[in-house]
């Protein structure tokens, strides 16, 4: 079963209330998404740490309900 873009966005926004989140369905199949997440929580974190934080916010959906997610993350420009 595929995960809806709105659910991905709500899970990320719940974990990072200040975040700007953009979700794109890359193939129109509900299985392959791209997400751009900008949050102050990422400040001082490596890209790997930022991605791990987003995966944690998705509560284990990666590899199951959510097949593929291309992530772009970062902290807001100061």
PDB file of N, CA and C in Angstrom:
ATOM      1  N   UNK A   1       0.849  -1.180   0.000  1.00  0.00           N
ATOM      2  CA  UNK A   1       0.000   0.000   0.000  1.00  0.00           C
ATOM      3  C   UNK A   1       0.895   1.244   0.000  1.00  0.00           C
ATOM      4  N   UNK A   2       0.596   2.169  -0.876  1.00  0.00           N
ATOM      5  CA  UNK A   2       1.376   3.399  -1.009  1.00  0.00           C
ATOM      6  C   UNK A   2       0.993   4.405   0.074  1.00  0.00           C
ATOM      7  N   UNK A   3       1.905   5.315   0.336  1.00  0.00           N
ATOM      8  CA  UNK A   3       1.672   6.373   1.313  1.00  0.00           C
ATOM      9  C   UNK A   3       1.314   7.655   0.566  1.00  0.00           C
ATOM     10  N   UNK A   4       0.331   8.365   1.030  1.00  0.00           N
ATOM     11  CA  UNK A   4      -0.071   9.616   0.394  1.00  0.00           C
ATOM     12  C   UNK A   4       0.894  10.741   0.762  1.00  0.00           C
ATOM     13  N   UNK A   5       1.072  11.665  -0.172  1.00  0.00           N
ATOM     14  CA  UNK A   5       1.958  12.809   0.042  1.00  0.00           C
ATOM     15  C   UNK A   5       1.544  13.607   1.279  1.00  0.00           C
ATOM     16  N   UNK A   6       0.253  13.768   1.482  1.00  0.00           N
ATOM     17  CA  UNK A   6      -0.240  14.531   2.638  1.00  0.00           C
ATOM     18  C   UNK A   6       0.179  13.885   3.953  1.00  0.00           C
ATOM     19  N   UNK A   7       0.214  12.558   3.994  1.00  0.00           N
ATOM     20  CA  UNK A   7       0.629  11.865   5.219  1.00  0.00           C
ATOM     21  C   UNK A   7       2.118  12.070   5.465  1.00  0.00           C
ATOM     22  N   UNK A   8       2.925  11.995   4.415  1.00  0.00           N
ATOM     23  CA  UNK A   8       4.365  12.247   4.546  1.00  0.00           C
ATOM     24  C   UNK A   8       4.578  13.649   5.098  1.00  0.00           C
ATOM     25  N   UNK A   9       3.905  14.609   4.499  1.00  0.00           N
ATOM     26  CA  UNK A   9       4.047  15.997   4.927  1.00  0.00           C
ATOM     27  C   UNK A   9       3.614  16.179   6.372  1.00  0.00           C
ATOM     28  N   UNK A  10       2.498  15.594   6.772  1.00  0.00           N
ATOM     29  CA  UNK A  10       2.018  15.778   8.148  1.00  0.00           C
ATOM     30  C   UNK A  10       2.953  15.146   9.170  1.00  0.00           C
ATOM     31  N   UNK A  11       3.532  13.990   8.851  1.00  0.00           N
ATOM     32  CA  UNK A  11       4.487  13.353   9.772  1.00  0.00           C
ATOM     33  C   UNK A  11       5.735  14.220   9.951  1.00  0.00           C
ATOM     34  N   UNK A  12       6.225  14.764   8.852  1.00  0.00           N
ATOM     35  CA  UNK A  12       7.420  15.622   8.923  1.00  0.00           C
ATOM     36  C   UNK A  12       7.107  16.905   9.674  1.00  0.00           C
ATOM     37  N   UNK A  13       5.969  17.518   9.383  1.00  0.00           N
ATOM     38  CA  UNK A  13       5.596  18.768  10.062  1.00  0.00           C
ATOM     39  C   UNK A  13       5.337  18.544  11.552  1.00  0.00           C
ATOM     40  N   UNK A  14       4.864  17.376  11.927  1.00  0.00           N
ATOM     41  CA  UNK A  14       4.652  17.079  13.350  1.00  0.00           C
ATOM     42  C   UNK A  14       5.983  17.007  14.084  1.00  0.00           C
ATOM     43  N   UNK A  15       7.000  16.470  13.419  1.00  0.00           N
ATOM     44  CA  UNK A  15       8.319  16.347  14.039  1.00  0.00           C
ATOM     45  C   UNK A  15       9.094  17.660  14.006  1.00  0.00           C
ATOM     46  N   UNK A  16       8.836  18.462  12.991  1.00  0.00           N
ATOM     47  CA  UNK A  16       9.549  19.739  12.807  1.00  0.00           C
ATOM     48  C   UNK A  16       8.520  20.846  12.566  1.00  0.00           C
ATOM     49  N   UNK A  17       7.895  21.357  13.629  1.00  0.00           N
ATOM     50  CA  UNK A  17       6.804  22.327  13.473  1.00  0.00           C
ATOM     51  C   UNK A  17       7.190  23.603  12.720  1.00  0.00           C
ATOM     52  N   UNK A  18       8.461  23.954  12.739  1.00  0.00           N
ATOM     53  CA  UNK A  18       8.906  25.179  12.061  1.00  0.00           C
ATOM     54  C   UNK A  18       9.246  24.943  10.590  1.00  0.00           C
ATOM     55  N   UNK A  19       9.179  23.711  10.148  1.00  0.00           N
ATOM     56  CA  UNK A  19       9.701  23.331   8.830  1.00  0.00           C
ATOM     57  C   UNK A  19       8.853  23.846   7.670  1.00  0.00           C
ATOM     58  N   UNK A  20       9.573  24.113   6.592  1.00  0.00           N
ATOM     59  CA  UNK A  20       8.959  24.299   5.290  1.00  0.00           C
ATOM     60  C   UNK A  20       9.123  22.957   4.587  1.00  0.00           C
ATOM     61  N   UNK A  21       8.019  22.352   4.176  1.00  0.00           N
ATOM     62  CA  UNK A  21       8.044  21.011   3.594  1.00  0.00           C
ATOM     63  C   UNK A  21       7.383  21.052   2.221  1.00  0.00           C
ATOM     64  N   UNK A  22       8.099  20.554   1.226  1.00  0.00           N
ATOM     65  CA  UNK A  22       7.544  20.419  -0.122  1.00  0.00           C
ATOM     66  C   UNK A  22       7.666  18.953  -0.522  1.00  0.00           C
ATOM     67  N   UNK A  23       6.568  18.361  -0.951  1.00  0.00           N
ATOM     68  CA  UNK A  23       6.547  16.957  -1.363  1.00  0.00           C
ATOM     69  C   UNK A  23       6.151  16.895  -2.836  1.00  0.00           C
ATOM     70  N   UNK A  24       6.876  16.092  -3.603  1.00  0.00           N
ATOM     71  CA  UNK A  24       6.562  15.902  -5.018  1.00  0.00           C
ATOM     72  C   UNK A  24       6.475  14.401  -5.306  1.00  0.00           C
ATOM     73  N   UNK A  25       5.392  13.984  -5.948  1.00  0.00           N
ATOM     74  CA  UNK A  25       5.228  12.597  -6.382  1.00  0.00           C
ATOM     75  C   UNK A  25       5.950  12.478  -7.721  1.00  0.00           C
ATOM     76  N   UNK A  26       7.093  11.813  -7.733  1.00  0.00           N
ATOM     77  CA  UNK A  26       7.966  11.800  -8.899  1.00  0.00           C
ATOM     78  C   UNK A  26       7.409  11.023 -10.084  1.00  0.00           C
ATOM     79  N   UNK A  27       6.653   9.976  -9.821  1.00  0.00           N
ATOM     80  CA  UNK A  27       6.154   9.132 -10.908  1.00  0.00           C
ATOM     81  C   UNK A  27       4.632   9.096 -10.995  1.00  0.00           C
ATOM     82  N   UNK A  28       3.981   9.760 -10.068  1.00  0.00           N
ATOM     83  CA  UNK A  28       2.523   9.731 -10.062  1.00  0.00           C
ATOM     84  C   UNK A  28       1.950   8.411  -9.565  1.00  0.00           C
ATOM     85  N   UNK A  29       2.793   7.598  -8.925  1.00  0.00           N
ATOM     86  CA  UNK A  29       2.356   6.275  -8.471  1.00  0.00           C
ATOM     87  C   UNK A  29       2.189   6.164  -6.960  1.00  0.00           C
ATOM     88  N   UNK A  30       2.479   7.241  -6.230  1.00  0.00           N
ATOM     89  CA  UNK A  30       2.357   7.197  -4.777  1.00  0.00           C
ATOM     90  C   UNK A  30       3.432   6.394  -4.081  1.00  0.00           C
ATOM     91  N   UNK A  31       4.456   5.974  -4.820  1.00  0.00           N
ATOM     92  CA  UNK A  31       5.550   5.189  -4.245  1.00  0.00           C
ATOM     93  C   UNK A  31       6.901   5.883  -4.311  1.00  0.00           C
ATOM     94  N   UNK A  32       7.049   6.861  -5.166  1.00  0.00           N
ATOM     95  CA  UNK A  32       8.334   7.522  -5.388  1.00  0.00           C
ATOM     96  C   UNK A  32       8.165   9.029  -5.207  1.00  0.00           C
ATOM     97  N   UNK A  33       8.704   9.519  -4.105  1.00  0.00           N
ATOM     98  CA  UNK A  33       8.551  10.933  -3.768  1.00  0.00           C
ATOM     99  C   UNK A  33       9.898  11.627  -3.642  1.00  0.00           C
ATOM    100  N   UNK A  34       9.842  12.948  -3.775  1.00  0.00           N
ATOM    101  CA  UNK A  34      10.963  13.809  -3.420  1.00  0.00           C
ATOM    102  C   UNK A  34      10.434  14.754  -2.343  1.00  0.00           C
ATOM    103  N   UNK A  35      11.252  15.021  -1.356  1.00  0.00           N
ATOM    104  CA  UNK A  35      10.856  15.932  -0.286  1.00  0.00           C
ATOM    105  C   UNK A  35      11.967  16.934  -0.048  1.00  0.00           C
ATOM    106  N   UNK A  36      11.579  18.190   0.087  1.00  0.00           N
ATOM    107  CA  UNK A  36      12.510  19.259   0.469  1.00  0.00           C
ATOM    108  C   UNK A  36      12.037  19.727   1.835  1.00  0.00           C
ATOM    109  N   UNK A  37      12.937  19.642   2.821  1.00  0.00           N
ATOM    110  CA  UNK A  37      12.597  19.999   4.199  1.00  0.00           C
ATOM    111  C   UNK A  37      13.633  21.001   4.710  1.00  0.00           C
ATOM    112  N   UNK A  38      13.156  22.161   5.131  1.00  0.00           N
ATOM    113  CA  UNK A  38      14.023  23.185   5.698  1.00  0.00           C
ATOM    114  C   UNK A  38      13.548  23.445   7.123  1.00  0.00           C
ATOM    115  N   UNK A  39      14.453  23.247   8.088  1.00  0.00           N
ATOM    116  CA  UNK A  39      14.088  23.412   9.494  1.00  0.00           C
ATOM    117  C   UNK A  39      15.303  23.878  10.293  1.00  0.00           C
ATOM    118  N   UNK A  40      15.051  24.723  11.277  1.00  0.00           N
ATOM    119  CA  UNK A  40      16.115  25.172  12.176  1.00  0.00           C
ATOM    120  C   UNK A  40      16.694  23.999  12.969  1.00  0.00           C
ATOM    121  N   UNK A  41      15.943  22.920  13.104  1.00  0.00           N
ATOM    122  CA  UNK A  41      16.425  21.733  13.830  1.00  0.00           C
ATOM    123  C   UNK A  41      17.643  21.115  13.150  1.00  0.00           C
ATOM    124  N   UNK A  42      17.857  21.421  11.877  1.00  0.00           N
ATOM    125  CA  UNK A  42      18.970  20.855  11.130  1.00  0.00           C
ATOM    126  C   UNK A  42      20.269  21.648  11.282  1.00  0.00           C
ATOM    127  N   UNK A  43      20.189  22.803  11.908  1.00  0.00           N
ATOM    128  CA  UNK A  43      21.374  23.654  12.045  1.00  0.00           C
ATOM    129  C   UNK A  43      22.481  22.909  12.798  1.00  0.00           C
ATOM    130  N   UNK A  44      23.673  22.893  12.216  1.00  0.00           N
ATOM    131  CA  UNK A  44      24.815  22.255  12.833  1.00  0.00           C
ATOM    132  C   UNK A  44      24.868  20.744  12.633  1.00  0.00           C
ATOM    133  N   UNK A  45      23.897  20.189  11.950  1.00  0.00           N
ATOM    134  CA  UNK A  45      23.847  18.742  11.711  1.00  0.00           C
ATOM    135  C   UNK A  45      24.398  18.437  10.318  1.00  0.00           C
ATOM    136  N   UNK A  46      25.031  17.269  10.173  1.00  0.00           N
ATOM    137  CA  UNK A  46      25.490  16.843   8.854  1.00  0.00           C
ATOM    138  C   UNK A  46      24.277  16.450   8.013  1.00  0.00           C
ATOM    139  N   UNK A  47      24.476  16.344   6.722  1.00  0.00           N
ATOM    140  CA  UNK A  47      23.389  15.940   5.824  1.00  0.00           C
ATOM    141  C   UNK A  47      22.855  14.557   6.220  1.00  0.00           C
ATOM    142  N   UNK A  48      23.757  13.645   6.574  1.00  0.00           N
ATOM    143  CA  UNK A  48      23.333  12.304   7.004  1.00  0.00           C
ATOM    144  C   UNK A  48      22.470  12.397   8.262  1.00  0.00           C
ATOM    145  N   UNK A  49      22.875  13.192   9.226  1.00  0.00           N
ATOM    146  CA  UNK A  49      22.091  13.355  10.456  1.00  0.00           C
ATOM    147  C   UNK A  49      20.718  13.952  10.158  1.00  0.00           C
ATOM    148  N   UNK A  50      20.675  14.928   9.244  1.00  0.00           N
ATOM    149  CA  UNK A  50      19.402  15.548   8.866  1.00  0.00           C
ATOM    150  C   UNK A  50      18.467  14.514   8.257  1.00  0.00           C
ATOM    151  N   UNK A  51      18.996  13.685   7.361  1.00  0.00           N
ATOM    152  CA  UNK A  51      18.180  12.666   6.714  1.00  0.00           C
ATOM    153  C   UNK A  51      17.712  11.627   7.731  1.00  0.00           C
ATOM    154  N   UNK A  52      18.562  11.264   8.670  1.00  0.00           N
ATOM    155  CA  UNK A  52      18.167  10.320   9.714  1.00  0.00           C
ATOM    156  C   UNK A  52      17.026  10.892  10.552  1.00  0.00           C
ATOM    157  N   UNK A  53      17.071  12.182  10.802  1.00  0.00           N
ATOM    158  CA  UNK A  53      16.012  12.833  11.571  1.00  0.00           C
ATOM    159  C   UNK A  53      14.672  12.758  10.821  1.00  0.00           C
ATOM    160  N   UNK A  54      14.717  12.965   9.513  1.00  0.00           N
ATOM    161  CA  UNK A  54      13.485  12.884   8.713  1.00  0.00           C
ATOM    162  C   UNK A  54      12.973  11.447   8.680  1.00  0.00           C
ATOM    163  N   UNK A  55      13.861  10.480   8.478  1.00  0.00           N
ATOM    164  CA  UNK A  55      13.440   9.073   8.462  1.00  0.00           C
ATOM    165  C   UNK A  55      12.800   8.687   9.788  1.00  0.00           C
ATOM    166  N   UNK A  56      13.358   9.181  10.888  1.00  0.00           N
ATOM    167  CA  UNK A  56      12.777   8.904  12.207  1.00  0.00           C
ATOM    168  C   UNK A  56      11.368   9.497  12.299  1.00  0.00           C
ATOM    169  N   UNK A  57      11.181  10.681  11.737  1.00  0.00           N
ATOM    170  CA  UNK A  57       9.864  11.332  11.750  1.00  0.00           C
ATOM    171  C   UNK A  57       8.834  10.521  10.977  1.00  0.00           C
ATOM    172  N   UNK A  58       9.290   9.733  10.001  1.00  0.00           N
ATOM    173  CA  UNK A  58       8.377   8.930   9.180  1.00  0.00           C
ATOM    174  C   UNK A  58       7.962   7.631   9.871  1.00  0.00           C
ATOM    175  N   UNK A  59       8.454   7.420  11.066  1.00  0.00           N
ATOM    176  CA  UNK A  59       8.014   6.319  11.942  1.00  0.00           C
ATOM    177  C   UNK A  59       8.068   4.950  11.280  1.00  0.00           C
ATOM    178  N   UNK A  60       9.178   4.649  10.648  1.00  0.00           N
ATOM    179  CA  UNK A  60       9.385   3.319  10.093  1.00  0.00           C
ATOM    180  C   UNK A  60       8.696   3.046   8.774  1.00  0.00           C
ATOM    181  N   UNK A  61       8.138   4.059   8.131  1.00  0.00           N
ATOM    182  CA  UNK A  61       7.426   3.847   6.865  1.00  0.00           C
ATOM    183  C   UNK A  61       8.369   3.578   5.688  1.00  0.00           C
ATOM    184  N   UNK A  62       9.615   4.031   5.782  1.00  0.00           N
ATOM    185  CA  UNK A  62      10.562   3.824   4.686  1.00  0.00           C
ATOM    186  C   UNK A  62      10.796   2.335   4.473  1.00  0.00           C
ATOM    187  N   UNK A  63      10.753   1.919   3.209  1.00  0.00           N
ATOM    188  CA  UNK A  63      10.980   0.528   2.876  1.00  0.00           C
ATOM    189  C   UNK A  63       9.736  -0.333   2.998  1.00  0.00           C
ATOM    190  N   UNK A  64       8.671   0.227   3.519  1.00  0.00           N
ATOM    191  CA  UNK A  64       7.414  -0.497   3.639  1.00  0.00           C
ATOM    192  C   UNK A  64       6.335   0.259   2.905  1.00  0.00           C
ATOM    193  N   UNK A  65       5.595   1.037   3.665  1.00  0.00           N
ATOM    194  CA  UNK A  65       4.515   1.846   3.103  1.00  0.00           C
ATOM    195  C   UNK A  65       5.061   2.890   2.126  1.00  0.00           C
ATOM    196  N   UNK A  66       6.272   3.340   2.366  1.00  0.00           N
ATOM    197  CA  UNK A  66       6.919   4.343   1.517  1.00  0.00           C
ATOM    198  C   UNK A  66       8.131   3.702   0.856  1.00  0.00           C
ATOM    199  N   UNK A  67       8.068   3.545  -0.452  1.00  0.00           N
ATOM    200  CA  UNK A  67       9.109   2.821  -1.187  1.00  0.00           C
ATOM    201  C   UNK A  67      10.371   3.660  -1.405  1.00  0.00           C
ATOM    202  N   UNK A  68      10.232   4.885  -1.891  1.00  0.00           N
ATOM    203  CA  UNK A  68      11.409   5.699  -2.225  1.00  0.00           C
ATOM    204  C   UNK A  68      11.149   7.161  -1.898  1.00  0.00           C
ATOM    205  N   UNK A  69      12.139   7.794  -1.266  1.00  0.00           N
ATOM    206  CA  UNK A  69      12.041   9.205  -0.922  1.00  0.00           C
ATOM    207  C   UNK A  69      13.392   9.858  -1.153  1.00  0.00           C
ATOM    208  N   UNK A  70      13.448  10.744  -2.137  1.00  0.00           N
ATOM    209  CA  UNK A  70      14.658  11.523  -2.395  1.00  0.00           C
ATOM    210  C   UNK A  70      14.587  12.767  -1.513  1.00  0.00           C
ATOM    211  N   UNK A  71      15.542  12.908  -0.601  1.00  0.00           N
ATOM    212  CA  UNK A  71      15.509  14.003   0.360  1.00  0.00           C
ATOM    213  C   UNK A  71      16.477  15.117   0.028  1.00  0.00           C
ATOM    214  N   UNK A  72      16.010  16.332   0.206  1.00  0.00           N
ATOM    215  CA  UNK A  72      16.856  17.514   0.222  1.00  0.00           C
ATOM    216  C   UNK A  72      16.533  18.210   1.535  1.00  0.00           C
ATOM    217  N   UNK A  73      17.538  18.379   2.379  1.00  0.00           N
ATOM    218  CA  UNK A  73      17.308  18.984   3.690  1.00  0.00           C
ATOM    219  C   UNK A  73      18.283  20.126   3.922  1.00  0.00           C
ATOM    220  N   UNK A  74      17.928  20.992   4.857  1.00  0.00           N
ATOM    221  CA  UNK A  74      18.826  22.067   5.228  1.00  0.00           C
ATOM    222  C   UNK A  74      18.207  22.958   6.275  1.00  0.00           C
ATOM    223  N   UNK A  75      19.055  23.797   6.844  1.00  0.00           N
ATOM    224  CA  UNK A  75      18.611  24.795   7.817  1.00  0.00           C
ATOM    225  C   UNK A  75      18.295  26.083   7.055  1.00  0.00           C
ATOM    226  N   UNK A  76      17.419  26.916   7.597  1.00  0.00           N
ATOM    227  CA  UNK A  76      17.110  28.180   6.923  1.00  0.00           C
ATOM    228  C   UNK A  76      18.349  29.073   6.850  1.00  0.00           C
ATOM    229  N   UNK A  77      18.425  29.856   5.811  1.00  0.00           N
ATOM    230  CA  UNK A  77      19.535  30.815   5.673  1.00  0.00           C
ATOM    231  C   UNK A  77      19.388  31.877   6.747  1.00  0.00           C
ATOM    232  N   UNK A  78      20.522  32.273   7.286  1.00  0.00           N
ATOM    233  CA  UNK A  78      20.469  33.294   8.350  1.00  0.00           C
ATOM    234  C   UNK A  78      20.750  34.650   7.799  1.00  0.00           C
TER     235      UNK A  78
END
